[in-house]
Amino acid sequence: QVRVVESGGGLVQPGGSLRLSCVASGSIGRINAINWYRQAPGKEREWVASVTYIGSTNYADSVKGRFTISRADAMNIVHLQMNSLKPEDTAVYYCNAYGRALDSWGQGTQVTVSS
């Protein structure tokens, strides 16, 4: 079993920055990728970014150039650096650990971008 816990959310003004953290514990060797998703009020869950075990990264078009995902070699901690935040980035952000026989979700951390 793998458990993931997100942290780092908060209230920021437009143009500000936050760094989210996802800490994984348990059977870390099962993890092939860590994904960040978000869900805004009244919206469906949206994929934001991913990092694989070998370090490949991918981003949703809406966050390219503003967000950066990074990982420790062991995949036990992943960060999402969010810069130039916009009101439309407001959402609950979820960390997802995906791999063989693994699809684990955290409880989410709230990010609110508002003036």
Protein backbone atom coordinates (compact mmCIF):
# COMPACT_ATOMS: atom_id res chain seq x y z
CA GLN A 1 0.00 0.00 0.00
CA VAL A 2 1.09 3.57 -0.72
CA ARG A 3 -0.19 6.61 1.06
CA VAL A 4 0.28 10.14 -0.18
CA VAL A 5 -0.19 13.35 1.76
CA GLU A 6 -0.30 16.81 0.22
CA SER A 7 0.67 20.05 1.88
CA GLY A 8 1.57 23.62 1.02
CA GLY A 9 -1.72 25.06 -0.11
CA GLY A 10 -2.98 28.42 0.97
CA LEU A 11 -4.28 31.81 -0.08
CA VAL A 12 -2.18 33.88 -2.47
CA GLN A 13 -2.72 36.92 -4.63
CA PRO A 14 -2.70 36.69 -8.41
CA GLY A 15 0.88 36.56 -9.64
CA GLY A 16 2.07 34.93 -6.45
CA SER A 17 3.72 31.57 -5.89
CA LEU A 18 3.18 28.45 -3.85
CA ARG A 19 5.04 25.18 -3.56
CA LEU A 20 3.01 22.07 -2.93
CA SER A 21 4.53 18.92 -1.52
CA CYS A 22 3.43 15.32 -1.85
CA VAL A 23 4.97 12.85 0.56
CA ALA A 24 4.55 9.17 -0.21
CA SER A 25 4.98 6.32 2.22
CA GLY A 26 4.59 2.56 2.12
CA SER A 27 5.48 0.49 -0.93
CA ILE A 28 7.32 3.24 -2.76
CA GLY A 29 8.79 0.75 -5.23
CA ARG A 30 5.35 0.30 -6.77
CA ILE A 31 5.20 3.91 -7.95
CA ASN A 32 5.76 4.51 -11.64
CA ALA A 33 4.55 8.09 -11.68
CA ILE A 34 3.28 10.83 -9.45
CA ASN A 35 0.54 13.04 -10.82
CA TRP A 36 -0.94 16.27 -9.61
CA TYR A 37 -4.61 16.85 -10.29
CA ARG A 38 -6.89 19.67 -9.30
CA GLN A 39 -10.59 20.19 -8.96
CA ALA A 40 -12.10 23.65 -9.01
CA PRO A 41 -15.56 24.43 -7.66
CA GLY A 42 -18.18 23.13 -10.05
CA LYS A 43 -15.57 21.59 -12.33
CA GLU A 44 -14.37 18.09 -13.11
CA ARG A 45 -11.05 16.87 -11.83
CA GLU A 46 -8.25 18.07 -14.11
CA TRP A 47 -4.82 16.58 -14.61
CA VAL A 48 -2.10 19.16 -14.01
CA ALA A 49 1.35 17.56 -14.15
CA SER A 50 3.22 14.29 -13.81
CA VAL A 51 6.69 13.02 -13.13
CA THR A 52 7.80 9.46 -13.82
CA TYR A 53 10.29 7.30 -12.01
CA ILE A 54 12.93 8.11 -14.63
CA GLY A 55 12.29 11.81 -14.26
CA SER A 56 10.20 12.60 -17.32
CA THR A 57 7.77 15.43 -16.76
CA ASN A 58 4.60 16.52 -18.49
CA TYR A 59 2.24 19.42 -17.95
CA ALA A 60 -1.23 20.47 -18.88
CA ASP A 61 -1.28 23.29 -21.40
CA SER A 62 -2.93 25.56 -18.86
CA VAL A 63 0.08 25.45 -16.54
CA LYS A 64 3.03 25.09 -18.91
CA GLY A 65 5.68 27.68 -18.23
CA ARG A 66 4.27 28.45 -14.80
CA PHE A 67 4.34 25.17 -12.87
CA THR A 68 7.27 22.85 -12.31
CA ILE A 69 7.07 19.32 -10.95
CA SER A 70 10.09 17.67 -9.38
CA ARG A 71 10.85 14.52 -7.45
CA ALA A 72 13.34 12.86 -5.17
CA ASP A 73 15.08 9.83 -6.66
CA ALA A 74 13.12 7.50 -4.40
CA MET A 75 9.79 9.01 -5.47
CA ASN A 76 8.97 9.53 -1.83
CA ILE A 77 8.52 13.26 -2.19
CA VAL A 78 7.31 15.35 -5.10
CA HIS A 79 6.98 19.10 -5.32
CA LEU A 80 4.83 21.27 -7.50
CA GLN A 81 6.23 24.77 -7.76
CA MET A 82 3.46 27.10 -8.89
CA ASN A 83 4.41 30.54 -10.13
CA SER A 84 2.44 33.36 -11.72
CA LEU A 85 -0.72 32.04 -10.16
CA LYS A 86 -4.05 33.04 -11.63
CA PRO A 87 -7.53 33.05 -10.10
CA GLU A 88 -8.42 30.15 -12.39
CA ASP A 89 -5.77 28.07 -10.61
CA THR A 90 -7.99 28.07 -7.55
CA ALA A 91 -8.79 24.45 -6.75
CA VAL A 92 -8.18 21.59 -4.42
CA TYR A 93 -4.93 20.00 -5.54
CA TYR A 94 -4.53 16.25 -5.25
CA CYS A 95 -1.46 14.06 -5.39
CA ASN A 96 -1.83 10.71 -7.14
CA ALA A 97 0.63 7.82 -7.00
CA TYR A 98 0.21 5.48 -9.96
CA GLY A 99 1.89 2.21 -10.76
CA ARG A 100 1.51 -1.55 -10.90
CA ALA A 101 -1.55 -2.45 -8.85
CA LEU A 102 -1.43 1.07 -7.47
CA ASP A 103 -3.68 4.08 -7.76
CA SER A 104 -3.48 6.06 -4.56
CA TRP A 105 -4.89 9.51 -3.85
CA GLY A 106 -4.31 12.05 -1.13
CA GLN A 107 -6.96 14.11 0.57
CA GLY A 108 -6.05 17.31 -1.24
CA THR A 109 -4.77 20.73 -0.32
CA GLN A 110 -6.67 23.93 -1.03
CA VAL A 111 -5.11 26.58 -3.24
CA THR A 112 -6.96 29.87 -3.46
CA VAL A 113 -5.76 32.64 -5.75
CA SER A 114 -7.62 35.84 -5.06
CA SER A 115 -7.03 39.53 -4.58
